[in-house]
Amino acid sequence: MGKAYNKAILIVDAHTHRYPEEVRKDPHAFAARQKETHWLELVKPTGKRSLQGWVNGKRMISDMEAANVSQAVLQGWYWENPASCILQNDWHAQWILNDPEKFIGFASIHPDLGQPLDELKKRHDQGFQGIGECHPWVQGSSPRNQKWISCMKFACERGWPVTFHVTEPVGHEYPGKVPTPFRDFLWLAQELPDLKIILAHAGGLFPFYELNPKIRPLLKNFYYDLSACPLLYEHSLYRKLVDVVGVSKILWATDYPLRIFPVNQKDPDFLTFKNVIKQEAILSDTEESAIFGQNLLSLLPC
């Protein structure tokens, strides 16, 4: 299946999520049926207001167009139940079929899927172009699991990037926070040096390890998306990332429909974060083109 975009002009959000009406209408019922307690604690935290926004596909496309966002990567979730991964992949398959010019599908996986490679082959044939959002530790595993490695080898063979959820090792606590050890990412990079690894949420500030000359060579195929960063870090982060790792490694991403500006954002949108990056990072035209789309598109299979 060929790509439905022109790399020269597109703005692409590298990290979004989308749910069908049955999930939006009653997250508790969905979580109970699928046994997804961790996901529920994140989207409906106990004792505090949720940052999760709930929008349908029509509203998502409208918000994209309002911000001149041409395409968005639909990231999967790191479900606890393997069956939920297949269910979400089915959702994504339908949505990218309905709107191939708007959405790029990434596949959800679980090490306990009966035949994970068969699932990935199926999604490849349906036009998916990556794996993610991954968090093997929530799934009771790690990147060193042999089934997981087989999926990562599949990604290498197909030229697929893989997006990992990353939590900072220090900082504020929040419901559902589970460590993502940097040593495991380094191990994975050593095992599969051609794997294109995207670390979400500015990589939990791991990109600053690229200042270590002994580690930097291992991180040549690491990339960092900016999803949810306004919830985590000061806006000065964006320019610093460009200066430390280079503009080619940074991917603009929102984590839509998360409300990443909760103080003044009633509903999720793409435009607010897009404007913040432009204002705060002081990007050249070349840097802006790279961060807002070219870098992500260059990682997708040819």
C-alpha atoms as a PDB file:
ATOM      1  CA  MET A   1       0.000   0.000   0.000  1.00  0.00           C
ATOM      2  CA  GLY A   2       1.553   3.304  -1.068  1.00  0.00           C
ATOM      3  CA  LYS A   3       1.776   6.366   1.082  1.00  0.00           C
ATOM      4  CA  ALA A   4      -0.946   8.960   0.584  1.00  0.00           C
ATOM      5  CA  TYR A   5       1.101  12.064   1.267  1.00  0.00           C
ATOM      6  CA  ASN A   6       3.634  14.481  -0.113  1.00  0.00           C
ATOM      7  CA  LYS A   7       6.618  14.665   2.205  1.00  0.00           C
ATOM      8  CA  ALA A   8       7.393  18.255   1.209  1.00  0.00           C
ATOM      9  CA  ILE A   9       4.346  19.930   2.709  1.00  0.00           C
ATOM     10  CA  LEU A  10       2.811  17.903   5.492  1.00  0.00           C
ATOM     11  CA  ILE A  11       2.551  18.606   9.197  1.00  0.00           C
ATOM     12  CA  VAL A  12       2.278  15.306  11.031  1.00  0.00           C
ATOM     13  CA  ASP A  13       1.481  14.586  14.664  1.00  0.00           C
ATOM     14  CA  ALA A  14       3.667  11.620  15.622  1.00  0.00           C
ATOM     15  CA  HIS A  15       1.634  10.527  18.644  1.00  0.00           C
ATOM     16  CA  THR A  16      -2.151  10.522  19.011  1.00  0.00           C
ATOM     17  CA  HIS A  17      -4.821   8.157  20.293  1.00  0.00           C
ATOM     18  CA  ARG A  18      -8.376   7.473  19.216  1.00  0.00           C
ATOM     19  CA  TYR A  19     -11.211   5.371  20.644  1.00  0.00           C
ATOM     20  CA  PRO A  20     -14.572   4.217  19.295  1.00  0.00           C
ATOM     21  CA  GLU A  21     -17.900   5.380  20.663  1.00  0.00           C
ATOM     22  CA  GLU A  22     -18.379   2.372  22.949  1.00  0.00           C
ATOM     23  CA  VAL A  23     -15.162   3.239  24.803  1.00  0.00           C
ATOM     24  CA  ARG A  24     -15.762   6.979  24.900  1.00  0.00           C
ATOM     25  CA  LYS A  25     -19.311   6.456  26.161  1.00  0.00           C
ATOM     26  CA  ASP A  26     -18.394   4.198  29.083  1.00  0.00           C
ATOM     27  CA  PRO A  27     -14.657   3.708  29.796  1.00  0.00           C
ATOM     28  CA  HIS A  28     -15.449   1.846  33.031  1.00  0.00           C
ATOM     29  CA  ALA A  29     -17.547  -0.758  31.240  1.00  0.00           C
ATOM     30  CA  PHE A  30     -14.891  -1.229  28.563  1.00  0.00           C
ATOM     31  CA  ALA A  31     -12.116  -1.594  31.148  1.00  0.00           C
ATOM     32  CA  ALA A  32     -14.147  -4.088  33.177  1.00  0.00           C
ATOM     33  CA  ARG A  33     -14.982  -6.177  30.128  1.00  0.00           C
ATOM     34  CA  GLN A  34     -11.398  -6.182  28.827  1.00  0.00           C
ATOM     35  CA  LYS A  35      -9.730  -6.335  32.274  1.00  0.00           C
ATOM     36  CA  GLU A  36      -7.772  -3.134  31.618  1.00  0.00           C
ATOM     37  CA  THR A  37      -7.301  -1.673  35.094  1.00  0.00           C
ATOM     38  CA  HIS A  38      -4.071   0.191  34.319  1.00  0.00           C
ATOM     39  CA  TRP A  39      -5.565   1.987  31.322  1.00  0.00           C
ATOM     40  CA  LEU A  40      -8.636   2.944  33.355  1.00  0.00           C
ATOM     41  CA  GLU A  41      -6.501   4.433  36.136  1.00  0.00           C
ATOM     42  CA  LEU A  42      -4.795   6.654  33.562  1.00  0.00           C
ATOM     43  CA  VAL A  43      -7.911   7.865  31.744  1.00  0.00           C
ATOM     44  CA  LYS A  44     -10.162   7.953  34.834  1.00  0.00           C
ATOM     45  CA  PRO A  45      -7.826   8.374  37.837  1.00  0.00           C
ATOM     46  CA  THR A  46      -9.261   7.792  41.270  1.00  0.00           C
ATOM     47  CA  GLY A  47      -9.824  10.936  43.315  1.00  0.00           C
ATOM     48  CA  LYS A  48      -8.654  13.491  40.735  1.00  0.00           C
ATOM     49  CA  ARG A  49      -9.839  15.127  37.542  1.00  0.00           C
ATOM     50  CA  SER A  50      -8.969  13.281  34.358  1.00  0.00           C
ATOM     51  CA  LEU A  51      -6.856  14.936  31.667  1.00  0.00           C
ATOM     52  CA  GLN A  52      -8.281  12.599  29.063  1.00  0.00           C
ATOM     53  CA  GLY A  53     -10.353  14.143  26.315  1.00  0.00           C
ATOM     54  CA  TRP A  54     -12.967  12.105  24.476  1.00  0.00           C
ATOM     55  CA  VAL A  55     -13.613  12.986  20.840  1.00  0.00           C
ATOM     56  CA  ASN A  56     -14.983  11.168  17.833  1.00  0.00           C
ATOM     57  CA  GLY A  57     -13.221  10.808  14.507  1.00  0.00           C
ATOM     58  CA  LYS A  58     -15.071  13.707  12.891  1.00  0.00           C
ATOM     59  CA  ARG A  59     -14.031  16.053  15.695  1.00  0.00           C
ATOM     60  CA  MET A  60     -10.430  14.809  15.545  1.00  0.00           C
ATOM     61  CA  ILE A  61     -10.186  15.524  11.829  1.00  0.00           C
ATOM     62  CA  SER A  62     -11.783  18.937  12.354  1.00  0.00           C
ATOM     63  CA  ASP A  63      -9.195  19.775  15.037  1.00  0.00           C
ATOM     64  CA  MET A  64      -6.400  18.604  12.742  1.00  0.00           C
ATOM     65  CA  GLU A  65      -7.627  20.823   9.927  1.00  0.00           C
ATOM     66  CA  ALA A  66      -7.930  23.816  12.271  1.00  0.00           C
ATOM     67  CA  ALA A  67      -4.207  23.468  13.014  1.00  0.00           C
ATOM     68  CA  ASN A  68      -3.219  22.581   9.436  1.00  0.00           C
ATOM     69  CA  VAL A  69      -2.187  19.093  10.572  1.00  0.00           C
ATOM     70  CA  SER A  70      -2.270  16.880   7.515  1.00  0.00           C
ATOM     71  CA  GLN A  71      -1.789  13.495   9.179  1.00  0.00           C
ATOM     72  CA  ALA A  72      -1.648  11.914  12.603  1.00  0.00           C
ATOM     73  CA  VAL A  73      -0.085   8.682  13.799  1.00  0.00           C
ATOM     74  CA  LEU A  74      -2.666   6.557  15.596  1.00  0.00           C
ATOM     75  CA  GLN A  75      -0.637   4.970  18.365  1.00  0.00           C
ATOM     76  CA  GLY A  76      -1.836   1.739  19.911  1.00  0.00           C
ATOM     77  CA  TRP A  77      -1.895   1.165  23.634  1.00  0.00           C
ATOM     78  CA  TYR A  78       0.109  -1.088  25.940  1.00  0.00           C
ATOM     79  CA  TRP A  79      -2.875  -3.186  26.939  1.00  0.00           C
ATOM     80  CA  GLU A  80      -2.649  -5.712  29.755  1.00  0.00           C
ATOM     81  CA  ASN A  81      -4.980  -8.089  27.925  1.00  0.00           C
ATOM     82  CA  PRO A  82      -3.574  -9.409  24.598  1.00  0.00           C
ATOM     83  CA  ALA A  83      -7.098  -9.506  23.168  1.00  0.00           C
ATOM     84  CA  SER A  84      -7.353  -5.728  23.614  1.00  0.00           C
ATOM     85  CA  CYS A  85      -4.376  -5.286  21.273  1.00  0.00           C
ATOM     86  CA  ILE A  86      -6.160  -7.146  18.497  1.00  0.00           C
ATOM     87  CA  LEU A  87      -9.326  -5.161  19.160  1.00  0.00           C
ATOM     88  CA  GLN A  88      -7.507  -1.834  18.912  1.00  0.00           C
ATOM     89  CA  ASN A  89      -5.658  -2.923  15.784  1.00  0.00           C
ATOM     90  CA  ASP A  90      -9.043  -3.676  14.244  1.00  0.00           C
ATOM     91  CA  TRP A  91     -10.200  -0.135  15.100  1.00  0.00           C
ATOM     92  CA  HIS A  92      -7.102   1.354  13.520  1.00  0.00           C
ATOM     93  CA  ALA A  93      -7.388  -0.810  10.413  1.00  0.00           C
ATOM     94  CA  GLN A  94     -10.889   0.533   9.789  1.00  0.00           C
ATOM     95  CA  TRP A  95      -9.936   4.150  10.442  1.00  0.00           C
ATOM     96  CA  ILE A  96      -6.922   4.157   8.136  1.00  0.00           C
ATOM     97  CA  LEU A  97      -9.071   2.460   5.512  1.00  0.00           C
ATOM     98  CA  ASN A  98     -11.725   5.151   5.891  1.00  0.00           C
ATOM     99  CA  ASP A  99      -9.262   8.081   5.919  1.00  0.00           C
ATOM    100  CA  PRO A 100      -5.912   6.917   4.482  1.00  0.00           C
ATOM    101  CA  GLU A 101      -4.789  10.487   3.845  1.00  0.00           C
ATOM    102  CA  LYS A 102      -5.355  11.457   7.469  1.00  0.00           C
ATOM    103  CA  PHE A 103      -4.124   8.569   9.609  1.00  0.00           C
ATOM    104  CA  ILE A 104      -0.989   6.444   9.922  1.00  0.00           C
ATOM    105  CA  GLY A 105      -1.518   3.224  11.867  1.00  0.00           C
ATOM    106  CA  PHE A 106       0.877   1.874  14.470  1.00  0.00           C
ATOM    107  CA  ALA A 107       0.159  -1.605  15.811  1.00  0.00           C
ATOM    108  CA  SER A 108      -0.474  -2.566  19.417  1.00  0.00           C
ATOM    109  CA  ILE A 109       1.334  -5.719  20.556  1.00  0.00           C
ATOM    110  CA  HIS A 110       1.625  -7.920  23.638  1.00  0.00           C
ATOM    111  CA  PRO A 111       4.277 -10.586  24.314  1.00  0.00           C
ATOM    112  CA  ASP A 112       1.536 -13.055  25.291  1.00  0.00           C
ATOM    113  CA  LEU A 113      -0.249 -12.868  21.961  1.00  0.00           C
ATOM    114  CA  GLY A 114      -0.459 -16.427  20.654  1.00  0.00           C
ATOM    115  CA  GLN A 115       1.160 -15.602  17.316  1.00  0.00           C
ATOM    116  CA  PRO A 116       2.425 -12.016  17.501  1.00  0.00           C
ATOM    117  CA  LEU A 117       4.214 -12.200  14.152  1.00  0.00           C
ATOM    118  CA  ASP A 118       1.036 -13.333  12.423  1.00  0.00           C
ATOM    119  CA  GLU A 119      -0.735 -10.322  13.936  1.00  0.00           C
ATOM    120  CA  LEU A 120       1.990  -7.955  12.706  1.00  0.00           C
ATOM    121  CA  LYS A 121       1.965  -9.493   9.221  1.00  0.00           C
ATOM    122  CA  LYS A 122      -1.795  -9.017   9.061  1.00  0.00           C
ATOM    123  CA  ARG A 123      -1.497  -5.373  10.071  1.00  0.00           C
ATOM    124  CA  HIS A 124       1.355  -4.817   7.624  1.00  0.00           C
ATOM    125  CA  ASP A 125      -0.909  -6.033   4.826  1.00  0.00           C
ATOM    126  CA  GLN A 126      -3.582  -3.597   6.052  1.00  0.00           C
ATOM    127  CA  GLY A 127      -1.234  -0.641   5.669  1.00  0.00           C
ATOM    128  CA  PHE A 128       0.150  -0.187   9.193  1.00  0.00           C
ATOM    129  CA  GLN A 129       3.584   1.440   9.288  1.00  0.00           C
ATOM    130  CA  GLY A 130       4.968   0.985  12.793  1.00  0.00           C
ATOM    131  CA  ILE A 131       4.553  -0.480  16.265  1.00  0.00           C
ATOM    132  CA  GLY A 132       3.542   1.451  19.350  1.00  0.00           C
ATOM    133  CA  GLU A 133       2.868   2.854  21.813  1.00  0.00           C
ATOM    134  CA  CYS A 134       4.768   0.141  23.704  1.00  0.00           C
ATOM    135  CA  HIS A 135       5.277  -0.348  27.424  1.00  0.00           C
ATOM    136  CA  PRO A 136       6.338  -3.981  27.944  1.00  0.00           C
ATOM    137  CA  TRP A 137       6.881  -3.429  31.661  1.00  0.00           C
ATOM    138  CA  VAL A 138       3.171  -2.717  32.225  1.00  0.00           C
ATOM    139  CA  GLN A 139       2.498  -5.976  30.393  1.00  0.00           C
ATOM    140  CA  GLY A 140       4.658  -7.930  32.854  1.00  0.00           C
ATOM    141  CA  SER A 141       7.546  -8.196  30.416  1.00  0.00           C
ATOM    142  CA  SER A 142      10.578  -6.306  29.108  1.00  0.00           C
ATOM    143  CA  PRO A 143      12.255  -5.707  25.734  1.00  0.00           C
ATOM    144  CA  ARG A 144      14.441  -8.743  26.476  1.00  0.00           C
ATOM    145  CA  ASN A 145      11.484 -11.129  26.165  1.00  0.00           C
ATOM    146  CA  GLN A 146      12.071 -13.435  23.181  1.00  0.00           C
ATOM    147  CA  LYS A 147       8.607 -12.911  21.715  1.00  0.00           C
ATOM    148  CA  TRP A 148       9.156  -9.193  22.049  1.00  0.00           C
ATOM    149  CA  ILE A 149      12.500  -9.456  20.291  1.00  0.00           C
ATOM    150  CA  SER A 150      10.859 -11.362  17.433  1.00  0.00           C
ATOM    151  CA  CYS A 151       8.458  -8.415  16.991  1.00  0.00           C
ATOM    152  CA  MET A 152      11.339  -5.953  17.033  1.00  0.00           C
ATOM    153  CA  LYS A 153      13.146  -8.014  14.378  1.00  0.00           C
ATOM    154  CA  PHE A 154       9.983  -7.877  12.291  1.00  0.00           C
ATOM    155  CA  ALA A 155      10.029  -4.088  12.629  1.00  0.00           C
ATOM    156  CA  CYS A 156      13.645  -3.989  11.476  1.00  0.00           C
ATOM    157  CA  GLU A 157      12.891  -6.151   8.449  1.00  0.00           C
ATOM    158  CA  ARG A 158       9.932  -4.006   7.411  1.00  0.00           C
ATOM    159  CA  GLY A 159      11.619  -0.689   8.190  1.00  0.00           C
ATOM    160  CA  TRP A 160       9.021   0.105  10.841  1.00  0.00           C
ATOM    161  CA  PRO A 161       9.745   2.535  13.688  1.00  0.00           C
ATOM    162  CA  VAL A 162       8.708   1.499  17.202  1.00  0.00           C
ATOM    163  CA  THR A 163       7.377   4.004  19.741  1.00  0.00           C
ATOM    164  CA  PHE A 164       7.932   3.338  23.449  1.00  0.00           C
ATOM    165  CA  HIS A 165       6.215   5.048  26.339  1.00  0.00           C
ATOM    166  CA  VAL A 166       8.940   6.472  28.601  1.00  0.00           C
ATOM    167  CA  THR A 167       8.668   7.729  32.157  1.00  0.00           C
ATOM    168  CA  GLU A 168      11.269   9.972  33.757  1.00  0.00           C
ATOM    169  CA  PRO A 169      13.147   8.176  36.582  1.00  0.00           C
ATOM    170  CA  VAL A 170      12.636  11.164  38.882  1.00  0.00           C
ATOM    171  CA  GLY A 171       9.910  13.771  39.084  1.00  0.00           C
ATOM    172  CA  HIS A 172       6.290  13.867  40.119  1.00  0.00           C
ATOM    173  CA  GLU A 173       4.253  10.761  40.707  1.00  0.00           C
ATOM    174  CA  TYR A 174       0.988  10.167  38.885  1.00  0.00           C
ATOM    175  CA  PRO A 175      -1.526   7.320  38.657  1.00  0.00           C
ATOM    176  CA  GLY A 176      -0.205   4.357  36.734  1.00  0.00           C
ATOM    177  CA  LYS A 177       3.431   5.494  36.549  1.00  0.00           C
ATOM    178  CA  VAL A 178       5.621   2.448  35.878  1.00  0.00           C
ATOM    179  CA  PRO A 179       9.421   2.682  35.406  1.00  0.00           C
ATOM    180  CA  THR A 180      10.925   2.212  31.924  1.00  0.00           C
ATOM    181  CA  PRO A 181      14.618   1.444  32.588  1.00  0.00           C
ATOM    182  CA  PHE A 182      17.000   3.166  30.210  1.00  0.00           C
ATOM    183  CA  ARG A 183      19.348   0.175  30.399  1.00  0.00           C
ATOM    184  CA  ASP A 184      16.713  -1.926  28.633  1.00  0.00           C
ATOM    185  CA  PHE A 185      16.558   0.548  25.754  1.00  0.00           C
ATOM    186  CA  LEU A 186      20.343   0.539  25.468  1.00  0.00           C
ATOM    187  CA  TRP A 187      20.344  -3.260  25.469  1.00  0.00           C
ATOM    188  CA  LEU A 188      17.730  -3.302  22.704  1.00  0.00           C
ATOM    189  CA  ALA A 189      19.755  -0.855  20.622  1.00  0.00           C
ATOM    190  CA  GLN A 190      22.837  -3.045  20.982  1.00  0.00           C
ATOM    191  CA  GLU A 191      20.893  -6.181  20.021  1.00  0.00           C
ATOM    192  CA  LEU A 192      19.200  -4.526  17.034  1.00  0.00           C
ATOM    193  CA  PRO A 193      21.301  -1.536  15.950  1.00  0.00           C
ATOM    194  CA  ASP A 194      19.091  -0.915  12.891  1.00  0.00           C
ATOM    195  CA  LEU A 195      15.850  -0.666  14.886  1.00  0.00           C
ATOM    196  CA  LYS A 196      14.308   2.818  14.699  1.00  0.00           C
ATOM    197  CA  ILE A 197      13.352   3.586  18.311  1.00  0.00           C
ATOM    198  CA  ILE A 198      11.063   6.492  19.156  1.00  0.00           C
ATOM    199  CA  LEU A 199      11.032   7.396  22.843  1.00  0.00           C
ATOM    200  CA  ALA A 200       7.808   9.210  23.700  1.00  0.00           C
ATOM    201  CA  HIS A 201       7.420  12.175  26.056  1.00  0.00           C
ATOM    202  CA  ALA A 202      10.870  13.581  25.256  1.00  0.00           C
ATOM    203  CA  GLY A 203      12.291  10.210  26.219  1.00  0.00           C
ATOM    204  CA  GLY A 204      11.901  10.953  29.924  1.00  0.00           C
ATOM    205  CA  LEU A 205      14.851  13.347  29.426  1.00  0.00           C
ATOM    206  CA  PHE A 206      17.020  10.405  28.385  1.00  0.00           C
ATOM    207  CA  PRO A 207      18.138  12.303  25.253  1.00  0.00           C
ATOM    208  CA  PHE A 208      20.492  14.301  27.451  1.00  0.00           C
ATOM    209  CA  TYR A 209      22.554  11.125  27.810  1.00  0.00           C
ATOM    210  CA  GLU A 210      23.621  11.864  24.240  1.00  0.00           C
ATOM    211  CA  LEU A 211      26.017  14.336  25.808  1.00  0.00           C
ATOM    212  CA  ASN A 212      27.961  11.290  27.034  1.00  0.00           C
ATOM    213  CA  PRO A 213      30.406  10.445  24.215  1.00  0.00           C
ATOM    214  CA  LYS A 214      30.529   6.775  25.258  1.00  0.00           C
ATOM    215  CA  ILE A 215      26.753   6.360  25.053  1.00  0.00           C
ATOM    216  CA  ARG A 216      25.948   8.590  22.096  1.00  0.00           C
ATOM    217  CA  PRO A 217      27.025   6.077  19.398  1.00  0.00           C
ATOM    218  CA  LEU A 218      24.489   3.599  20.775  1.00  0.00           C
ATOM    219  CA  LEU A 219      21.712   6.158  20.340  1.00  0.00           C
ATOM    220  CA  LYS A 220      22.163   6.829  16.633  1.00  0.00           C
ATOM    221  CA  ASN A 221      18.717   5.394  15.827  1.00  0.00           C
ATOM    222  CA  PHE A 222      16.899   6.946  18.796  1.00  0.00           C
ATOM    223  CA  TYR A 223      14.287   9.637  18.212  1.00  0.00           C
ATOM    224  CA  TYR A 224      12.248  11.637  20.703  1.00  0.00           C
ATOM    225  CA  ASP A 225       8.624  12.665  20.385  1.00  0.00           C
ATOM    226  CA  LEU A 226       7.234  15.606  22.350  1.00  0.00           C
ATOM    227  CA  SER A 227       3.872  14.093  23.314  1.00  0.00           C
ATOM    228  CA  ALA A 228       2.488  15.345  26.654  1.00  0.00           C
ATOM    229  CA  CYS A 229       5.627  17.414  27.322  1.00  0.00           C
ATOM    230  CA  PRO A 230       3.686  20.522  28.502  1.00  0.00           C
ATOM    231  CA  LEU A 231       2.433  18.394  31.400  1.00  0.00           C
ATOM    232  CA  LEU A 232       5.953  17.408  32.369  1.00  0.00           C
ATOM    233  CA  TYR A 233       8.554  20.047  31.528  1.00  0.00           C
ATOM    234  CA  GLU A 234       9.245  23.739  31.086  1.00  0.00           C
ATOM    235  CA  HIS A 235       8.917  25.133  27.577  1.00  0.00           C
ATOM    236  CA  SER A 236      12.659  25.804  27.495  1.00  0.00           C
ATOM    237  CA  LEU A 237      13.059  22.060  26.902  1.00  0.00           C
ATOM    238  CA  TYR A 238      12.308  22.258  23.175  1.00  0.00           C
ATOM    239  CA  ARG A 239      15.202  24.475  22.151  1.00  0.00           C
ATOM    240  CA  LYS A 240      17.546  22.581  24.461  1.00  0.00           C
ATOM    241  CA  LEU A 241      16.638  19.302  22.801  1.00  0.00           C
ATOM    242  CA  VAL A 242      17.454  20.748  19.386  1.00  0.00           C
ATOM    243  CA  ASP A 243      20.814  21.957  20.658  1.00  0.00           C
ATOM    244  CA  VAL A 244      21.697  18.655  22.363  1.00  0.00           C
ATOM    245  CA  VAL A 245      20.574  15.925  19.961  1.00  0.00           C
ATOM    246  CA  GLY A 246      20.080  17.815  16.707  1.00  0.00           C
ATOM    247  CA  VAL A 247      16.884  18.770  14.950  1.00  0.00           C
ATOM    248  CA  SER A 248      16.644  15.527  12.960  1.00  0.00           C
ATOM    249  CA  LYS A 249      15.832  13.481  16.078  1.00  0.00           C
ATOM    250  CA  ILE A 250      12.832  15.421  17.372  1.00  0.00           C
ATOM    251  CA  LEU A 251       9.230  14.672  16.428  1.00  0.00           C
ATOM    252  CA  TRP A 252       6.333  17.006  17.138  1.00  0.00           C
ATOM    253  CA  ALA A 253       3.535  15.143  18.892  1.00  0.00           C
ATOM    254  CA  THR A 254       0.628  16.106  21.124  1.00  0.00           C
ATOM    255  CA  ASP A 255      -0.772  12.923  22.735  1.00  0.00           C
ATOM    256  CA  TYR A 256      -4.182  14.137  21.496  1.00  0.00           C
ATOM    257  CA  PRO A 257      -6.870  13.910  22.811  1.00  0.00           C
ATOM    258  CA  LEU A 258      -5.064  14.410  26.124  1.00  0.00           C
ATOM    259  CA  ARG A 259      -5.610  17.904  27.545  1.00  0.00           C
ATOM    260  CA  ILE A 260      -1.939  18.823  27.882  1.00  0.00           C
ATOM    261  CA  PHE A 261      -2.673  22.417  28.916  1.00  0.00           C
ATOM    262  CA  PRO A 262      -5.233  21.667  31.649  1.00  0.00           C
ATOM    263  CA  VAL A 263      -5.253  25.150  33.189  1.00  0.00           C
ATOM    264  CA  ASN A 264      -6.611  26.871  30.093  1.00  0.00           C
ATOM    265  CA  GLN A 265      -7.608  24.010  27.804  1.00  0.00           C
ATOM    266  CA  LYS A 266     -11.176  22.820  28.236  1.00  0.00           C
ATOM    267  CA  ASP A 267     -11.063  20.597  25.161  1.00  0.00           C
ATOM    268  CA  PRO A 268      -8.101  18.952  23.443  1.00  0.00           C
ATOM    269  CA  ASP A 269      -6.665  20.520  20.310  1.00  0.00           C
ATOM    270  CA  PHE A 270      -3.588  20.470  18.091  1.00  0.00           C
ATOM    271  CA  LEU A 271      -3.131  24.193  17.588  1.00  0.00           C
ATOM    272  CA  THR A 272      -2.111  25.204  21.116  1.00  0.00           C
ATOM    273  CA  PHE A 273       0.988  23.008  21.305  1.00  0.00           C
ATOM    274  CA  LYS A 274       1.904  23.749  17.717  1.00  0.00           C
ATOM    275  CA  ASN A 275       1.974  27.465  18.534  1.00  0.00           C
ATOM    276  CA  VAL A 276       3.903  26.937  21.770  1.00  0.00           C
ATOM    277  CA  ILE A 277       6.688  25.080  19.959  1.00  0.00           C
ATOM    278  CA  LYS A 278       6.957  27.812  17.334  1.00  0.00           C
ATOM    279  CA  GLN A 279       7.077  30.565  19.950  1.00  0.00           C
ATOM    280  CA  GLU A 280       9.377  28.916  22.467  1.00  0.00           C
ATOM    281  CA  ALA A 281      11.861  26.941  20.361  1.00  0.00           C
ATOM    282  CA  ILE A 282      12.670  29.803  17.954  1.00  0.00           C
ATOM    283  CA  LEU A 283      12.957  27.432  15.003  1.00  0.00           C
ATOM    284  CA  SER A 284      14.401  28.210  11.616  1.00  0.00           C
ATOM    285  CA  ASP A 285      12.284  27.285   8.588  1.00  0.00           C
ATOM    286  CA  THR A 286      14.395  24.150   8.099  1.00  0.00           C
ATOM    287  CA  GLU A 287      14.080  23.139  11.752  1.00  0.00           C
ATOM    288  CA  GLU A 288      10.343  23.746  11.717  1.00  0.00           C
ATOM    289  CA  SER A 289       9.847  21.600   8.631  1.00  0.00           C
ATOM    290  CA  ALA A 290      11.886  18.779  10.168  1.00  0.00           C
ATOM    291  CA  ILE A 291      10.246  18.714  13.589  1.00  0.00           C
ATOM    292  CA  PHE A 292       6.674  19.168  12.368  1.00  0.00           C
ATOM    293  CA  GLY A 293       6.691  16.327   9.871  1.00  0.00           C
ATOM    294  CA  GLN A 294       9.764  15.533   7.819  1.00  0.00           C
ATOM    295  CA  ASN A 295      11.518  13.629  10.602  1.00  0.00           C
ATOM    296  CA  LEU A 296       8.578  11.320  11.258  1.00  0.00           C
ATOM    297  CA  LEU A 297       7.925  10.726   7.573  1.00  0.00           C
ATOM    298  CA  SER A 298      11.591   9.850   7.012  1.00  0.00           C
ATOM    299  CA  LEU A 299      11.262   7.029   9.551  1.00  0.00           C
ATOM    300  CA  LEU A 300       8.341   5.343   7.811  1.00  0.00           C
ATOM    301  CA  PRO A 301       8.986   2.459   5.407  1.00  0.00           C
ATOM    302  CA  CYS A 302       9.500   3.310   1.754  1.00  0.00           C
END
